[in-house]
Amino acid sequence: MQGKLIALLCVVSALSLAACAENWIVTYDGQDSRGDREILHSTLTPDGTDSYTYRNFGSGVHVAAAPSNTGGNYRAVFWPRRSPSVTDGQSCATWSAQPEKGNTQQGAALRITTNSTGVSRAITVTKNIMFGATWMFNVHVWDTSKRPANTGIGSADMRSVVRGKPLPWHLCARTRNNLLEMKVWTGSEPEPPWEDGSHTRSFRLASDWVYPGRTGWYIGHVPPGGSAGFTNLKTWRFGRQISGPES
């Protein structure tokens, strides 16, 4: 409703072109404009009774696997409670910490939805953990009503950027209609522009994966009692904003 109202105002009023231009607008940077920092989460692949807890700190989230967990295949997505449902969204995070051993897997999640029967759908960009090739990044679409729940749609070889590099790693991913883009960089390296071909990759999505959903992050395979740190969490939507903070 807000987007339609802004579009109408841009047509009928004498607002500046800059005010009516479509841009990436911040929707979360550790808290929203109301000071809300609550994080929600949804399971993609259960593993017995395993679970994670999510604790806010500053603009980050600490994700911990319960010591009582018995497996290592629990995977989930998480997002700000008041994150708007958008078709065109962007997710960024710094992966600041992870267990020294195990296959902890971090990522970005876009177009996250959960219906009244508990079925979740999402698009993810994740660090590969198969065969130790962590310089590969995989794009999956998820539908938890199906088995398996995930379908791979592409991979990106980013060895020239991340191979052999310690944390922190930084990942951004965004969707615009049926286009998904990702970029990755490490350490104190400046954030590369989206036009930087060495740090970015793009993928095409099928039409049934173009829909509004929440924007957030992915975490999986944290070993029992282990934890992972995400810092500099930030999300955006693409659209118009006349003035003032995101509402």
C-alpha atoms as a PDB file:
ATOM      1  CA  MET A   1       0.000   0.000   0.000  1.00  0.00           C
ATOM      2  CA  GLN A   2       2.780   2.453   0.901  1.00  0.00           C
ATOM      3  CA  GLY A   3       4.550   1.803  -2.405  1.00  0.00           C
ATOM      4  CA  LYS A   4       1.366   2.450  -4.408  1.00  0.00           C
ATOM      5  CA  LEU A   5       0.730   5.673  -2.477  1.00  0.00           C
ATOM      6  CA  ILE A   6       4.258   6.956  -3.127  1.00  0.00           C
ATOM      7  CA  ALA A   7       3.964   6.106  -6.817  1.00  0.00           C
ATOM      8  CA  LEU A   8       0.681   8.038  -7.015  1.00  0.00           C
ATOM      9  CA  LEU A   9       2.159  11.057  -5.255  1.00  0.00           C
ATOM     10  CA  CYS A  10       5.091  11.058  -7.659  1.00  0.00           C
ATOM     11  CA  VAL A  11       2.656  11.271 -10.567  1.00  0.00           C
ATOM     12  CA  VAL A  12       0.290  13.933  -9.267  1.00  0.00           C
ATOM     13  CA  SER A  13       2.566  16.193  -7.247  1.00  0.00           C
ATOM     14  CA  ALA A  14       5.506  18.463  -7.995  1.00  0.00           C
ATOM     15  CA  LEU A  15       8.027  16.362  -6.075  1.00  0.00           C
ATOM     16  CA  SER A  16      11.613  16.358  -7.166  1.00  0.00           C
ATOM     17  CA  LEU A  17      12.841  13.699  -9.561  1.00  0.00           C
ATOM     18  CA  ALA A  18      15.323  12.536  -6.935  1.00  0.00           C
ATOM     19  CA  ALA A  19      12.544  11.937  -4.417  1.00  0.00           C
ATOM     20  CA  CYS A  20      10.599   9.830  -6.900  1.00  0.00           C
ATOM     21  CA  ALA A  21      13.513   7.844  -8.301  1.00  0.00           C
ATOM     22  CA  GLU A  22      13.718   4.166  -7.418  1.00  0.00           C
ATOM     23  CA  ASN A  23      16.682   3.296  -5.211  1.00  0.00           C
ATOM     24  CA  TRP A  24      17.873   0.702  -2.724  1.00  0.00           C
ATOM     25  CA  ILE A  25      16.345   1.764   0.610  1.00  0.00           C
ATOM     26  CA  VAL A  26      17.647   0.431   3.931  1.00  0.00           C
ATOM     27  CA  THR A  27      15.055  -1.586   5.849  1.00  0.00           C
ATOM     28  CA  TYR A  28      17.280  -2.976   8.637  1.00  0.00           C
ATOM     29  CA  ASP A  29      20.745  -2.120   9.969  1.00  0.00           C
ATOM     30  CA  GLY A  30      20.749  -3.739  13.402  1.00  0.00           C
ATOM     31  CA  GLN A  31      17.360  -2.290  14.211  1.00  0.00           C
ATOM     32  CA  ASP A  32      14.508  -0.800  12.222  1.00  0.00           C
ATOM     33  CA  SER A  33      13.252   2.778  12.504  1.00  0.00           C
ATOM     34  CA  ARG A  34      11.143   1.777  15.529  1.00  0.00           C
ATOM     35  CA  GLY A  35      14.092   0.303  17.421  1.00  0.00           C
ATOM     36  CA  ASP A  36      12.893  -3.278  16.839  1.00  0.00           C
ATOM     37  CA  ARG A  37      15.774  -5.797  16.853  1.00  0.00           C
ATOM     38  CA  GLU A  38      13.844  -9.057  17.211  1.00  0.00           C
ATOM     39  CA  ILE A  39      14.974 -11.874  14.922  1.00  0.00           C
ATOM     40  CA  LEU A  40      12.625 -14.558  13.598  1.00  0.00           C
ATOM     41  CA  HIS A  41      13.704 -17.857  12.073  1.00  0.00           C
ATOM     42  CA  SER A  42      12.366 -20.797  10.095  1.00  0.00           C
ATOM     43  CA  THR A  43      13.659 -24.345   9.660  1.00  0.00           C
ATOM     44  CA  LEU A  44      14.653 -25.491   6.183  1.00  0.00           C
ATOM     45  CA  THR A  45      15.884 -28.972   7.073  1.00  0.00           C
ATOM     46  CA  PRO A  46      15.185 -30.399  10.537  1.00  0.00           C
ATOM     47  CA  ASP A  47      17.572 -32.861  12.147  1.00  0.00           C
ATOM     48  CA  GLY A  48      15.812 -34.696  14.983  1.00  0.00           C
ATOM     49  CA  THR A  49      15.176 -32.231  17.794  1.00  0.00           C
ATOM     50  CA  ASP A  50      18.235 -30.083  17.018  1.00  0.00           C
ATOM     51  CA  SER A  51      17.850 -26.311  17.296  1.00  0.00           C
ATOM     52  CA  TYR A  52      19.702 -22.987  17.193  1.00  0.00           C
ATOM     53  CA  THR A  53      19.323 -19.879  19.326  1.00  0.00           C
ATOM     54  CA  TYR A  54      19.683 -16.345  17.968  1.00  0.00           C
ATOM     55  CA  ARG A  55      21.046 -13.519  20.121  1.00  0.00           C
ATOM     56  CA  ASN A  56      21.306  -9.895  18.998  1.00  0.00           C
ATOM     57  CA  PHE A  57      24.387  -7.785  19.649  1.00  0.00           C
ATOM     58  CA  GLY A  58      24.734  -4.362  18.067  1.00  0.00           C
ATOM     59  CA  SER A  59      24.181  -4.811  14.347  1.00  0.00           C
ATOM     60  CA  GLY A  60      24.950  -8.523  14.548  1.00  0.00           C
ATOM     61  CA  VAL A  61      23.492 -11.875  15.537  1.00  0.00           C
ATOM     62  CA  HIS A  62      25.157 -14.731  17.398  1.00  0.00           C
ATOM     63  CA  VAL A  63      23.768 -18.129  16.306  1.00  0.00           C
ATOM     64  CA  ALA A  64      24.428 -21.023  18.680  1.00  0.00           C
ATOM     65  CA  ALA A  65      23.696 -24.730  18.289  1.00  0.00           C
ATOM     66  CA  ALA A  66      22.285 -26.313  21.426  1.00  0.00           C
ATOM     67  CA  PRO A  67      24.832 -28.497  23.256  1.00  0.00           C
ATOM     68  CA  SER A  68      22.176 -31.216  23.286  1.00  0.00           C
ATOM     69  CA  ASN A  69      22.070 -31.349  19.477  1.00  0.00           C
ATOM     70  CA  THR A  70      23.003 -34.780  18.182  1.00  0.00           C
ATOM     71  CA  GLY A  71      23.391 -34.129  14.445  1.00  0.00           C
ATOM     72  CA  GLY A  72      24.907 -31.537  12.191  1.00  0.00           C
ATOM     73  CA  ASN A  73      22.439 -31.141   9.354  1.00  0.00           C
ATOM     74  CA  TYR A  74      20.016 -28.604  10.800  1.00  0.00           C
ATOM     75  CA  ARG A  75      19.598 -25.654   8.417  1.00  0.00           C
ATOM     76  CA  ALA A  76      17.577 -22.482   8.887  1.00  0.00           C
ATOM     77  CA  VAL A  77      16.923 -18.959   7.676  1.00  0.00           C
ATOM     78  CA  PHE A  78      16.483 -15.924   9.917  1.00  0.00           C
ATOM     79  CA  TRP A  79      15.330 -12.340   9.379  1.00  0.00           C
ATOM     80  CA  PRO A  80      14.298  -9.157  11.241  1.00  0.00           C
ATOM     81  CA  ARG A  81      10.752  -9.429  12.610  1.00  0.00           C
ATOM     82  CA  ARG A  82       9.665  -6.192  10.984  1.00  0.00           C
ATOM     83  CA  SER A  83      11.410  -6.841   7.702  1.00  0.00           C
ATOM     84  CA  PRO A  84       9.019  -5.832   4.895  1.00  0.00           C
ATOM     85  CA  SER A  85       7.840  -8.408   2.391  1.00  0.00           C
ATOM     86  CA  VAL A  86       9.444  -7.378  -0.916  1.00  0.00           C
ATOM     87  CA  THR A  87      10.099  -8.922  -4.308  1.00  0.00           C
ATOM     88  CA  ASP A  88      13.297  -6.930  -4.845  1.00  0.00           C
ATOM     89  CA  GLY A  89      15.467  -7.117  -1.735  1.00  0.00           C
ATOM     90  CA  GLN A  90      19.125  -7.096  -0.747  1.00  0.00           C
ATOM     91  CA  SER A  91      20.881  -8.851   2.154  1.00  0.00           C
ATOM     92  CA  CYS A  92      24.410  -8.203   3.430  1.00  0.00           C
ATOM     93  CA  ALA A  93      26.430  -9.593   6.333  1.00  0.00           C
ATOM     94  CA  THR A  94      29.943 -10.109   7.606  1.00  0.00           C
ATOM     95  CA  TRP A  95      30.782 -13.637   8.738  1.00  0.00           C
ATOM     96  CA  SER A  96      32.856 -12.798  11.773  1.00  0.00           C
ATOM     97  CA  ALA A  97      33.252 -16.100  13.650  1.00  0.00           C
ATOM     98  CA  GLN A  98      32.685 -19.842  13.334  1.00  0.00           C
ATOM     99  CA  PRO A  99      33.885 -23.070  14.998  1.00  0.00           C
ATOM    100  CA  GLU A 100      37.401 -24.141  14.054  1.00  0.00           C
ATOM    101  CA  LYS A 101      36.161 -27.655  13.262  1.00  0.00           C
ATOM    102  CA  GLY A 102      33.091 -28.803  11.399  1.00  0.00           C
ATOM    103  CA  ASN A 103      31.203 -27.595   8.359  1.00  0.00           C
ATOM    104  CA  THR A 104      29.421 -24.465   9.545  1.00  0.00           C
ATOM    105  CA  GLN A 105      27.680 -22.918   6.559  1.00  0.00           C
ATOM    106  CA  GLN A 106      26.669 -19.251   6.301  1.00  0.00           C
ATOM    107  CA  GLY A 107      24.707 -17.462   3.631  1.00  0.00           C
ATOM    108  CA  ALA A 108      22.122 -14.913   2.535  1.00  0.00           C
ATOM    109  CA  ALA A 109      18.393 -15.607   2.176  1.00  0.00           C
ATOM    110  CA  LEU A 110      15.883 -13.796   0.005  1.00  0.00           C
ATOM    111  CA  ARG A 111      12.108 -14.018  -0.590  1.00  0.00           C
ATOM    112  CA  ILE A 112      11.551 -15.991   2.617  1.00  0.00           C
ATOM    113  CA  THR A 113       7.924 -17.030   3.123  1.00  0.00           C
ATOM    114  CA  THR A 114       6.115 -19.396   5.497  1.00  0.00           C
ATOM    115  CA  ASN A 115       2.449 -20.223   4.912  1.00  0.00           C
ATOM    116  CA  SER A 116      -0.287 -21.182   7.382  1.00  0.00           C
ATOM    117  CA  THR A 117       0.625 -24.872   7.160  1.00  0.00           C
ATOM    118  CA  GLY A 118       4.278 -24.189   8.001  1.00  0.00           C
ATOM    119  CA  VAL A 119       5.696 -24.643   4.496  1.00  0.00           C
ATOM    120  CA  SER A 120       8.651 -22.337   3.891  1.00  0.00           C
ATOM    121  CA  ARG A 121      10.124 -21.108   0.605  1.00  0.00           C
ATOM    122  CA  ALA A 122      13.332 -19.147   0.136  1.00  0.00           C
ATOM    123  CA  ILE A 123      16.222 -18.416  -2.182  1.00  0.00           C
ATOM    124  CA  THR A 124      19.707 -18.769  -0.662  1.00  0.00           C
ATOM    125  CA  VAL A 125      23.307 -18.004  -1.546  1.00  0.00           C
ATOM    126  CA  THR A 126      25.612 -20.093   0.647  1.00  0.00           C
ATOM    127  CA  LYS A 127      29.242 -20.982   1.170  1.00  0.00           C
ATOM    128  CA  ASN A 128      29.899 -24.466  -0.170  1.00  0.00           C
ATOM    129  CA  ILE A 129      31.007 -27.081   2.392  1.00  0.00           C
ATOM    130  CA  MET A 130      31.260 -30.176   0.177  1.00  0.00           C
ATOM    131  CA  PHE A 131      34.769 -31.631  -0.164  1.00  0.00           C
ATOM    132  CA  GLY A 132      36.238 -28.594   1.621  1.00  0.00           C
ATOM    133  CA  ALA A 133      35.754 -26.361  -1.439  1.00  0.00           C
ATOM    134  CA  THR A 134      34.620 -23.377   0.619  1.00  0.00           C
ATOM    135  CA  TRP A 135      35.566 -20.950  -2.158  1.00  0.00           C
ATOM    136  CA  MET A 136      32.504 -22.105  -4.093  1.00  0.00           C
ATOM    137  CA  PHE A 137      29.163 -20.362  -3.507  1.00  0.00           C
ATOM    138  CA  ASN A 138      25.893 -22.126  -4.258  1.00  0.00           C
ATOM    139  CA  VAL A 139      22.460 -20.764  -5.136  1.00  0.00           C
ATOM    140  CA  HIS A 140      19.446 -22.852  -4.097  1.00  0.00           C
ATOM    141  CA  VAL A 141      15.690 -22.462  -4.102  1.00  0.00           C
ATOM    142  CA  TRP A 142      13.854 -24.056  -1.159  1.00  0.00           C
ATOM    143  CA  ASP A 143      10.367 -25.480  -0.739  1.00  0.00           C
ATOM    144  CA  THR A 144       9.992 -27.455   2.491  1.00  0.00           C
ATOM    145  CA  SER A 145       6.898 -29.259   1.195  1.00  0.00           C
ATOM    146  CA  LYS A 146       9.174 -31.206  -1.162  1.00  0.00           C
ATOM    147  CA  ARG A 147      11.843 -33.873  -0.706  1.00  0.00           C
ATOM    148  CA  PRO A 148      14.540 -32.859  -1.072  1.00  0.00           C
ATOM    149  CA  ALA A 149      13.601 -29.361   0.022  1.00  0.00           C
ATOM    150  CA  ASN A 150      16.317 -27.634  -2.010  1.00  0.00           C
ATOM    151  CA  THR A 151      17.087 -27.401  -5.714  1.00  0.00           C
ATOM    152  CA  GLY A 152      20.408 -26.054  -6.930  1.00  0.00           C
ATOM    153  CA  ILE A 153      20.280 -23.473  -9.704  1.00  0.00           C
ATOM    154  CA  GLY A 154      23.946 -22.521  -9.981  1.00  0.00           C
ATOM    155  CA  SER A 155      27.368 -22.124  -8.396  1.00  0.00           C
ATOM    156  CA  ALA A 156      30.096 -19.500  -8.442  1.00  0.00           C
ATOM    157  CA  ASP A 157      33.816 -20.210  -8.184  1.00  0.00           C
ATOM    158  CA  MET A 158      35.212 -17.373  -6.035  1.00  0.00           C
ATOM    159  CA  ARG A 159      38.624 -18.894  -5.278  1.00  0.00           C
ATOM    160  CA  SER A 160      40.437 -15.793  -6.542  1.00  0.00           C
ATOM    161  CA  VAL A 161      38.666 -13.785  -3.827  1.00  0.00           C
ATOM    162  CA  VAL A 162      38.346 -16.020  -0.756  1.00  0.00           C
ATOM    163  CA  ARG A 163      40.502 -19.144  -1.060  1.00  0.00           C
ATOM    164  CA  GLY A 164      42.885 -19.452   1.885  1.00  0.00           C
ATOM    165  CA  LYS A 165      41.563 -16.241   3.445  1.00  0.00           C
ATOM    166  CA  PRO A 166      40.552 -16.236   7.137  1.00  0.00           C
ATOM    167  CA  LEU A 167      37.330 -14.684   8.384  1.00  0.00           C
ATOM    168  CA  PRO A 168      35.876 -12.132   8.196  1.00  0.00           C
ATOM    169  CA  TRP A 169      34.193 -12.764   4.869  1.00  0.00           C
ATOM    170  CA  HIS A 170      31.507 -10.429   3.543  1.00  0.00           C
ATOM    171  CA  LEU A 171      28.569 -11.483   1.371  1.00  0.00           C
ATOM    172  CA  CYS A 172      25.788  -9.486  -0.250  1.00  0.00           C
ATOM    173  CA  ALA A 173      22.995 -10.916  -2.394  1.00  0.00           C
ATOM    174  CA  ARG A 174      20.064  -9.189  -4.050  1.00  0.00           C
ATOM    175  CA  THR A 175      17.112  -9.929  -6.312  1.00  0.00           C
ATOM    176  CA  ARG A 176      15.592  -7.759  -9.032  1.00  0.00           C
ATOM    177  CA  ASN A 177      12.665  -9.516 -10.686  1.00  0.00           C
ATOM    178  CA  ASN A 178      14.168 -12.776 -12.059  1.00  0.00           C
ATOM    179  CA  LEU A 179      17.820 -11.738 -11.585  1.00  0.00           C
ATOM    180  CA  LEU A 180      19.859 -12.758  -8.544  1.00  0.00           C
ATOM    181  CA  GLU A 181      23.249 -11.138  -7.958  1.00  0.00           C
ATOM    182  CA  MET A 182      25.903 -11.865  -5.331  1.00  0.00           C
ATOM    183  CA  LYS A 183      29.231 -10.356  -4.346  1.00  0.00           C
ATOM    184  CA  VAL A 184      31.863 -11.446  -1.858  1.00  0.00           C
ATOM    185  CA  TRP A 185      35.022  -9.908  -0.403  1.00  0.00           C
ATOM    186  CA  THR A 186      37.210 -10.494   2.652  1.00  0.00           C
ATOM    187  CA  GLY A 187      38.957  -8.826   5.575  1.00  0.00           C
ATOM    188  CA  SER A 188      39.511  -5.081   5.372  1.00  0.00           C
ATOM    189  CA  GLU A 189      39.173  -5.040   1.587  1.00  0.00           C
ATOM    190  CA  PRO A 190      36.777  -2.249   0.518  1.00  0.00           C
ATOM    191  CA  GLU A 191      33.354  -3.362  -0.631  1.00  0.00           C
ATOM    192  CA  PRO A 192      33.512  -3.877  -4.404  1.00  0.00           C
ATOM    193  CA  PRO A 193      30.892  -2.307  -6.687  1.00  0.00           C
ATOM    194  CA  TRP A 194      28.283  -4.547  -8.276  1.00  0.00           C
ATOM    195  CA  GLU A 195      29.987  -3.956 -11.610  1.00  0.00           C
ATOM    196  CA  ASP A 196      33.209  -5.615 -10.396  1.00  0.00           C
ATOM    197  CA  GLY A 197      33.300  -8.855 -12.360  1.00  0.00           C
ATOM    198  CA  SER A 198      35.935 -10.506 -10.167  1.00  0.00           C
ATOM    199  CA  HIS A 199      33.858 -10.226  -6.974  1.00  0.00           C
ATOM    200  CA  THR A 200      30.323 -10.608  -8.351  1.00  0.00           C
ATOM    201  CA  ARG A 201      28.216 -13.229 -10.114  1.00  0.00           C
ATOM    202  CA  SER A 202      24.631 -13.314 -11.386  1.00  0.00           C
ATOM    203  CA  PHE A 203      21.976 -15.992 -11.940  1.00  0.00           C
ATOM    204  CA  ARG A 204      18.534 -16.185 -13.550  1.00  0.00           C
ATOM    205  CA  LEU A 205      15.515 -17.339 -11.554  1.00  0.00           C
ATOM    206  CA  ALA A 206      12.476 -19.162 -12.902  1.00  0.00           C
ATOM    207  CA  SER A 207       9.247 -17.158 -12.926  1.00  0.00           C
ATOM    208  CA  ASP A 208       7.749 -19.145 -10.028  1.00  0.00           C
ATOM    209  CA  TRP A 209      10.538 -17.829  -7.789  1.00  0.00           C
ATOM    210  CA  VAL A 210       9.603 -14.187  -8.391  1.00  0.00           C
ATOM    211  CA  TYR A 211       7.316 -13.229  -5.484  1.00  0.00           C
ATOM    212  CA  PRO A 212       7.424 -11.057  -2.326  1.00  0.00           C
ATOM    213  CA  GLY A 213       9.105 -12.374   0.809  1.00  0.00           C
ATOM    214  CA  ARG A 214      11.315 -11.413   3.735  1.00  0.00           C
ATOM    215  CA  THR A 215      15.009 -10.619   3.388  1.00  0.00           C
ATOM    216  CA  GLY A 216      17.536 -12.195   5.762  1.00  0.00           C
ATOM    217  CA  TRP A 217      20.281 -14.753   6.206  1.00  0.00           C
ATOM    218  CA  TYR A 218      21.028 -18.485   6.239  1.00  0.00           C
ATOM    219  CA  ILE A 219      22.853 -20.716   8.732  1.00  0.00           C
ATOM    220  CA  GLY A 220      23.410 -24.462   8.702  1.00  0.00           C
ATOM    221  CA  HIS A 221      25.508 -27.394   9.935  1.00  0.00           C
ATOM    222  CA  VAL A 222      26.696 -25.711  13.142  1.00  0.00           C
ATOM    223  CA  PRO A 223      28.152 -28.515  15.312  1.00  0.00           C
ATOM    224  CA  PRO A 224      26.568 -29.240  18.727  1.00  0.00           C
ATOM    225  CA  GLY A 225      27.587 -26.519  21.171  1.00  0.00           C
ATOM    226  CA  GLY A 226      29.188 -24.461  18.405  1.00  0.00           C
ATOM    227  CA  SER A 227      28.294 -20.962  17.274  1.00  0.00           C
ATOM    228  CA  ALA A 228      28.627 -18.557  14.371  1.00  0.00           C
ATOM    229  CA  GLY A 229      28.819 -14.768  14.389  1.00  0.00           C
ATOM    230  CA  PHE A 230      27.175 -12.472  11.854  1.00  0.00           C
ATOM    231  CA  THR A 231      27.983  -8.760  12.028  1.00  0.00           C
ATOM    232  CA  ASN A 232      27.067  -5.702   9.938  1.00  0.00           C
ATOM    233  CA  LEU A 233      23.656  -7.189   9.180  1.00  0.00           C
ATOM    234  CA  LYS A 234      21.759  -5.001   6.758  1.00  0.00           C
ATOM    235  CA  THR A 235      18.783  -5.336   4.404  1.00  0.00           C
ATOM    236  CA  TRP A 236      17.277  -3.155   1.686  1.00  0.00           C
ATOM    237  CA  ARG A 237      14.237  -2.997  -0.553  1.00  0.00           C
ATOM    238  CA  PHE A 238      14.200  -1.514  -4.042  1.00  0.00           C
ATOM    239  CA  GLY A 239      11.634   1.196  -4.627  1.00  0.00           C
ATOM    240  CA  ARG A 240      10.711   4.803  -3.967  1.00  0.00           C
ATOM    241  CA  GLN A 241      10.924   6.744  -0.729  1.00  0.00           C
ATOM    242  CA  ILE A 242       9.856  10.386  -0.497  1.00  0.00           C
ATOM    243  CA  SER A 243      11.631  11.294   2.722  1.00  0.00           C
ATOM    244  CA  GLY A 244      12.241  10.181   6.275  1.00  0.00           C
ATOM    245  CA  PRO A 245      13.190   6.760   7.655  1.00  0.00           C
ATOM    246  CA  GLU A 246      11.809   3.481   6.397  1.00  0.00           C
ATOM    247  CA  SER A 247       8.367   2.903   7.882  1.00  0.00           C
END
